Amino acid sequence: MIFPIKAWQTLKRGYLFGQKTYYNNGHIGLDVIAEKGTPIYAWQDLEVVNSLFGKDGGNTAWIKCPNNKRLFRLLHLQFLILKGKYKEGQIVAQVGDTGALSTGSHLHLDISKDGILRLDGLSNFEDPELYFKTFTK
């Protein structure tokens, strides 16, 4: 398994790009600053199950991985991406700056543990940074 952006640990990350938070009333994911157009890679074999434009998150992808009950969301993408299956290491999207909540070019990544997006509480979300540190090569 790889992280979706190469050299991500050398990039600024967190909420508002200054502090590392993922659990608070306004933010449930990890933001990684990267230039617009930076490739986002499939971190393992995965399937994009939904691709949509949302007012706040802009171009968004919902992703499931085989044998994994998590739902991954990528927000603020440069373009809408094609639904379908991708192999680990394949480019699935590019970093963008879309949606009303974007404050600059970055990737927002959040993970719902039970595979269902529930924004009414934070208990089903997990810290993406810890998830990828645990499982990446």
Foldseek 3Di string as FASTA:
>chain_A
DAFQAPPQVVFQKDPVSPDNDADDLPHNWMKTDDDWFGFGWDQAKKWFPDWDADQAFGTKTWIDDPPAQKIKMKGQFQDTFDTTIDGGGHGTTTFHQDHPNGPHTIITMWMFRRNDDDSPDNVRTDYPVVVCVVPPD
